[in-house]
C-alpha atoms as a PDB file:
ATOM      1  CA  MET A   1      -9.331   5.491 -51.005  1.00  0.00           C
ATOM      2  CA  ALA A   2     -10.327   5.227 -47.343  1.00  0.00           C
ATOM      3  CA  PHE A   3     -13.189   2.892 -48.331  1.00  0.00           C
ATOM      4  CA  ASN A   4     -10.753   0.270 -49.691  1.00  0.00           C
ATOM      5  CA  GLY A   5     -10.949  -3.089 -47.956  1.00  0.00           C
ATOM      6  CA  THR A   6     -13.387  -5.836 -47.051  1.00  0.00           C
ATOM      7  CA  TRP A   7     -16.300  -4.930 -44.798  1.00  0.00           C
ATOM      8  CA  LYS A   8     -18.686  -7.387 -43.091  1.00  0.00           C
ATOM      9  CA  VAL A   9     -22.154  -6.349 -41.940  1.00  0.00           C
ATOM     10  CA  ASP A  10     -22.267  -6.060 -38.150  1.00  0.00           C
ATOM     11  CA  ARG A  11     -25.690  -4.575 -37.410  1.00  0.00           C
ATOM     12  CA  ASN A  12     -28.827  -3.154 -39.002  1.00  0.00           C
ATOM     13  CA  ASP A  13     -31.032  -0.265 -37.921  1.00  0.00           C
ATOM     14  CA  ASN A  14     -34.641  -0.114 -39.219  1.00  0.00           C
ATOM     15  CA  TYR A  15     -33.600  -2.309 -42.169  1.00  0.00           C
ATOM     16  CA  ASP A  16     -36.768  -4.447 -42.082  1.00  0.00           C
ATOM     17  CA  LYS A  17     -39.036  -1.366 -42.293  1.00  0.00           C
ATOM     18  CA  PHE A  18     -36.946  -0.014 -45.159  1.00  0.00           C
ATOM     19  CA  MET A  19     -37.218  -3.292 -47.092  1.00  0.00           C
ATOM     20  CA  GLU A  20     -40.958  -3.404 -46.396  1.00  0.00           C
ATOM     21  CA  GLN A  21     -41.296   0.114 -47.850  1.00  0.00           C
ATOM     22  CA  MET A  22     -39.353  -1.091 -50.913  1.00  0.00           C
ATOM     23  CA  GLY A  23     -42.024  -3.777 -51.376  1.00  0.00           C
ATOM     24  CA  ILE A  24     -39.848  -6.765 -50.467  1.00  0.00           C
ATOM     25  CA  ASN A  25     -41.913  -9.664 -49.131  1.00  0.00           C
ATOM     26  CA  VAL A  26     -41.606 -10.835 -45.520  1.00  0.00           C
ATOM     27  CA  MET A  27     -39.725 -14.046 -46.374  1.00  0.00           C
ATOM     28  CA  LYS A  28     -37.023 -12.219 -48.346  1.00  0.00           C
ATOM     29  CA  ARG A  29     -36.791  -9.546 -45.616  1.00  0.00           C
ATOM     30  CA  LYS A  30     -36.145 -12.147 -42.921  1.00  0.00           C
ATOM     31  CA  LEU A  31     -33.458 -13.782 -45.052  1.00  0.00           C
ATOM     32  CA  ALA A  32     -31.845 -10.405 -45.875  1.00  0.00           C
ATOM     33  CA  GLU A  33     -31.521  -9.504 -42.203  1.00  0.00           C
ATOM     34  CA  HIS A  34     -29.153 -12.471 -41.834  1.00  0.00           C
ATOM     35  CA  ASP A  35     -27.418 -12.379 -45.216  1.00  0.00           C
ATOM     36  CA  ASN A  36     -23.857 -12.132 -43.781  1.00  0.00           C
ATOM     37  CA  LEU A  37     -23.118  -9.498 -46.426  1.00  0.00           C
ATOM     38  CA  LYS A  38     -19.474  -8.761 -47.133  1.00  0.00           C
ATOM     39  CA  VAL A  39     -18.549  -5.811 -49.322  1.00  0.00           C
ATOM     40  CA  THR A  40     -15.074  -5.508 -50.833  1.00  0.00           C
ATOM     41  CA  ILE A  41     -14.300  -2.028 -52.128  1.00  0.00           C
ATOM     42  CA  GLU A  42     -11.410  -1.147 -54.426  1.00  0.00           C
ATOM     43  CA  GLN A  43     -11.138   2.525 -55.377  1.00  0.00           C
ATOM     44  CA  THR A  44      -8.705   3.828 -57.968  1.00  0.00           C
ATOM     45  CA  GLY A  45      -9.226   7.556 -58.473  1.00  0.00           C
ATOM     46  CA  ASP A  46     -12.870   8.016 -59.472  1.00  0.00           C
ATOM     47  CA  LYS A  47     -13.357   4.362 -60.439  1.00  0.00           C
ATOM     48  CA  PHE A  48     -14.748   1.757 -58.038  1.00  0.00           C
ATOM     49  CA  HIS A  49     -14.907  -2.021 -58.108  1.00  0.00           C
ATOM     50  CA  ILE A  50     -17.280  -3.470 -55.507  1.00  0.00           C
ATOM     51  CA  LYS A  51     -17.778  -7.148 -54.768  1.00  0.00           C
ATOM     52  CA  GLU A  52     -20.874  -8.000 -52.739  1.00  0.00           C
ATOM     53  CA  SER A  53     -20.854 -11.492 -51.227  1.00  0.00           C
ATOM     54  CA  SER A  54     -23.749 -12.808 -49.173  1.00  0.00           C
ATOM     55  CA  THR A  55     -25.420 -16.060 -48.272  1.00  0.00           C
ATOM     56  CA  PHE A  56     -27.521 -15.693 -51.441  1.00  0.00           C
ATOM     57  CA  ARG A  57     -25.317 -14.273 -54.170  1.00  0.00           C
ATOM     58  CA  THR A  58     -22.021 -12.773 -55.213  1.00  0.00           C
ATOM     59  CA  LYS A  59     -22.093  -9.735 -57.470  1.00  0.00           C
ATOM     60  CA  ASP A  60     -19.367  -7.567 -58.994  1.00  0.00           C
ATOM     61  CA  ILE A  61     -20.170  -3.914 -59.629  1.00  0.00           C
ATOM     62  CA  ASP A  62     -17.979  -1.446 -61.468  1.00  0.00           C
ATOM     63  CA  PHE A  63     -18.787   2.244 -61.618  1.00  0.00           C
ATOM     64  CA  THR A  64     -17.208   5.635 -62.133  1.00  0.00           C
ATOM     65  CA  LEU A  65     -18.203   8.560 -59.917  1.00  0.00           C
ATOM     66  CA  GLY A  66     -20.755  10.771 -61.666  1.00  0.00           C
ATOM     67  CA  VAL A  67     -21.556   8.218 -64.382  1.00  0.00           C
ATOM     68  CA  GLN A  68     -24.982   6.577 -64.491  1.00  0.00           C
ATOM     69  CA  PHE A  69     -25.164   2.757 -64.393  1.00  0.00           C
ATOM     70  CA  ASP A  70     -27.744  -0.002 -63.883  1.00  0.00           C
ATOM     71  CA  TYR A  71     -27.900  -2.173 -60.770  1.00  0.00           C
ATOM     72  CA  THR A  72     -30.113  -5.089 -59.708  1.00  0.00           C
ATOM     73  CA  MET A  73     -30.763  -5.569 -55.987  1.00  0.00           C
ATOM     74  CA  ALA A  74     -30.703  -9.051 -54.409  1.00  0.00           C
ATOM     75  CA  ASP A  75     -34.521  -9.240 -54.566  1.00  0.00           C
ATOM     76  CA  GLY A  76     -34.505  -8.491 -58.316  1.00  0.00           C
ATOM     77  CA  THR A  77     -35.439  -4.786 -58.101  1.00  0.00           C
ATOM     78  CA  GLU A  78     -33.798  -2.961 -61.015  1.00  0.00           C
ATOM     79  CA  LEU A  79     -32.354   0.509 -60.492  1.00  0.00           C
ATOM     80  CA  SER A  80     -30.500   3.105 -62.522  1.00  0.00           C
ATOM     81  CA  GLY A  81     -28.422   5.859 -60.976  1.00  0.00           C
ATOM     82  CA  MET A  82     -25.002   7.032 -59.920  1.00  0.00           C
ATOM     83  CA  TRP A  83     -22.620   7.568 -57.039  1.00  0.00           C
ATOM     84  CA  GLU A  84     -20.910  10.888 -56.343  1.00  0.00           C
ATOM     85  CA  MET A  85     -18.307  11.867 -53.742  1.00  0.00           C
ATOM     86  CA  GLU A  86     -19.167  14.792 -51.484  1.00  0.00           C
ATOM     87  CA  GLY A  87     -16.267  15.413 -49.121  1.00  0.00           C
ATOM     88  CA  ASP A  88     -15.593  12.050 -47.461  1.00  0.00           C
ATOM     89  CA  VAL A  89     -19.076  10.662 -48.184  1.00  0.00           C
ATOM     90  CA  LEU A  90     -20.195   8.551 -51.141  1.00  0.00           C
ATOM     91  CA  LYS A  91     -23.732   9.590 -52.110  1.00  0.00           C
ATOM     92  CA  GLY A  92     -25.893   7.497 -54.395  1.00  0.00           C
ATOM     93  CA  LYS A  93     -29.183   8.351 -56.042  1.00  0.00           C
ATOM     94  CA  PHE A  94     -30.991   5.527 -57.829  1.00  0.00           C
ATOM     95  CA  THR A  95     -34.344   5.415 -59.594  1.00  0.00           C
ATOM     96  CA  ARG A  96     -36.378   2.213 -59.639  1.00  0.00           C
ATOM     97  CA  LYS A  97     -37.137   1.060 -63.167  1.00  0.00           C
ATOM     98  CA  ASP A  98     -40.546  -0.378 -62.204  1.00  0.00           C
ATOM     99  CA  ASN A  99     -42.099   2.710 -60.571  1.00  0.00           C
ATOM    100  CA  ASN A 100     -39.638   5.641 -61.013  1.00  0.00           C
ATOM    101  CA  LYS A 101     -39.378   6.148 -57.227  1.00  0.00           C
ATOM    102  CA  VAL A 102     -36.020   7.268 -55.863  1.00  0.00           C
ATOM    103  CA  LEU A 103     -33.741   5.424 -53.438  1.00  0.00           C
ATOM    104  CA  THR A 104     -30.930   7.469 -51.911  1.00  0.00           C
ATOM    105  CA  THR A 105     -27.984   5.944 -50.114  1.00  0.00           C
ATOM    106  CA  THR A 106     -24.719   7.079 -48.578  1.00  0.00           C
ATOM    107  CA  ARG A 107     -21.540   5.346 -47.500  1.00  0.00           C
ATOM    108  CA  ALA A 108     -19.412   7.012 -44.841  1.00  0.00           C
ATOM    109  CA  LEU A 109     -16.639   6.004 -42.461  1.00  0.00           C
ATOM    110  CA  VAL A 110     -17.695   6.644 -38.873  1.00  0.00           C
ATOM    111  CA  GLY A 111     -15.402   5.642 -36.009  1.00  0.00           C
ATOM    112  CA  GLY A 112     -13.577   3.072 -38.132  1.00  0.00           C
ATOM    113  CA  GLU A 113     -16.833   1.480 -39.351  1.00  0.00           C
ATOM    114  CA  LEU A 114     -18.482   1.730 -42.758  1.00  0.00           C
ATOM    115  CA  VAL A 115     -22.026   3.047 -42.346  1.00  0.00           C
ATOM    116  CA  GLN A 116     -24.382   2.656 -45.295  1.00  0.00           C
ATOM    117  CA  SER A 117     -27.569   4.704 -44.902  1.00  0.00           C
ATOM    118  CA  TYR A 118     -30.696   4.393 -47.041  1.00  0.00           C
ATOM    119  CA  ASN A 119     -33.843   6.427 -47.640  1.00  0.00           C
ATOM    120  CA  TYR A 120     -36.825   5.295 -49.675  1.00  0.00           C
ATOM    121  CA  GLU A 121     -40.207   7.006 -49.614  1.00  0.00           C
ATOM    122  CA  GLY A 122     -39.582   8.583 -46.193  1.00  0.00           C
ATOM    123  CA  VAL A 123     -38.178   5.480 -44.470  1.00  0.00           C
ATOM    124  CA  ASP A 124     -34.570   5.644 -43.262  1.00  0.00           C
ATOM    125  CA  ALA A 125     -32.362   2.675 -42.428  1.00  0.00           C
ATOM    126  CA  LYS A 126     -28.704   1.895 -42.028  1.00  0.00           C
ATOM    127  CA  ARG A 127     -26.316  -1.026 -42.069  1.00  0.00           C
ATOM    128  CA  THR A 128     -23.028  -0.828 -40.218  1.00  0.00           C
ATOM    129  CA  PHE A 129     -20.001  -2.812 -41.391  1.00  0.00           C
ATOM    130  CA  LYS A 130     -16.745  -3.684 -39.618  1.00  0.00           C
ATOM    131  CA  LYS A 131     -13.474  -3.956 -41.506  1.00  0.00           C
ATOM    132  CA  GLN A 132     -12.174  -7.506 -41.914  1.00  0.00           C
END
């Protein structure tokens, strides 16, 4: 339950290159770098409710650890996959519906910050969030 709370994006590392590798056009990438994303996480046992709020959209996501679900990214990319908990780290593995390529992501608490790391086709990136 350590993830519970509201987290606001503070900084990005290699996020533009990651989005480029995902095939997101330059205009959407520039907007995404300044999306003011806030993520509210509510965990109850193995069930999660996530609310993503940004300049562009608000989305509610409900999932259960180890259970596959569908997700649509802000740019419209459709994915299917699941989150699992390994120790204190949330690990997600999602397959794109348009090309069957895999996006992996993790969420971990590091020094009081929420660090979300991504890997797609050999490109790594991360977004670091501060608790509100």
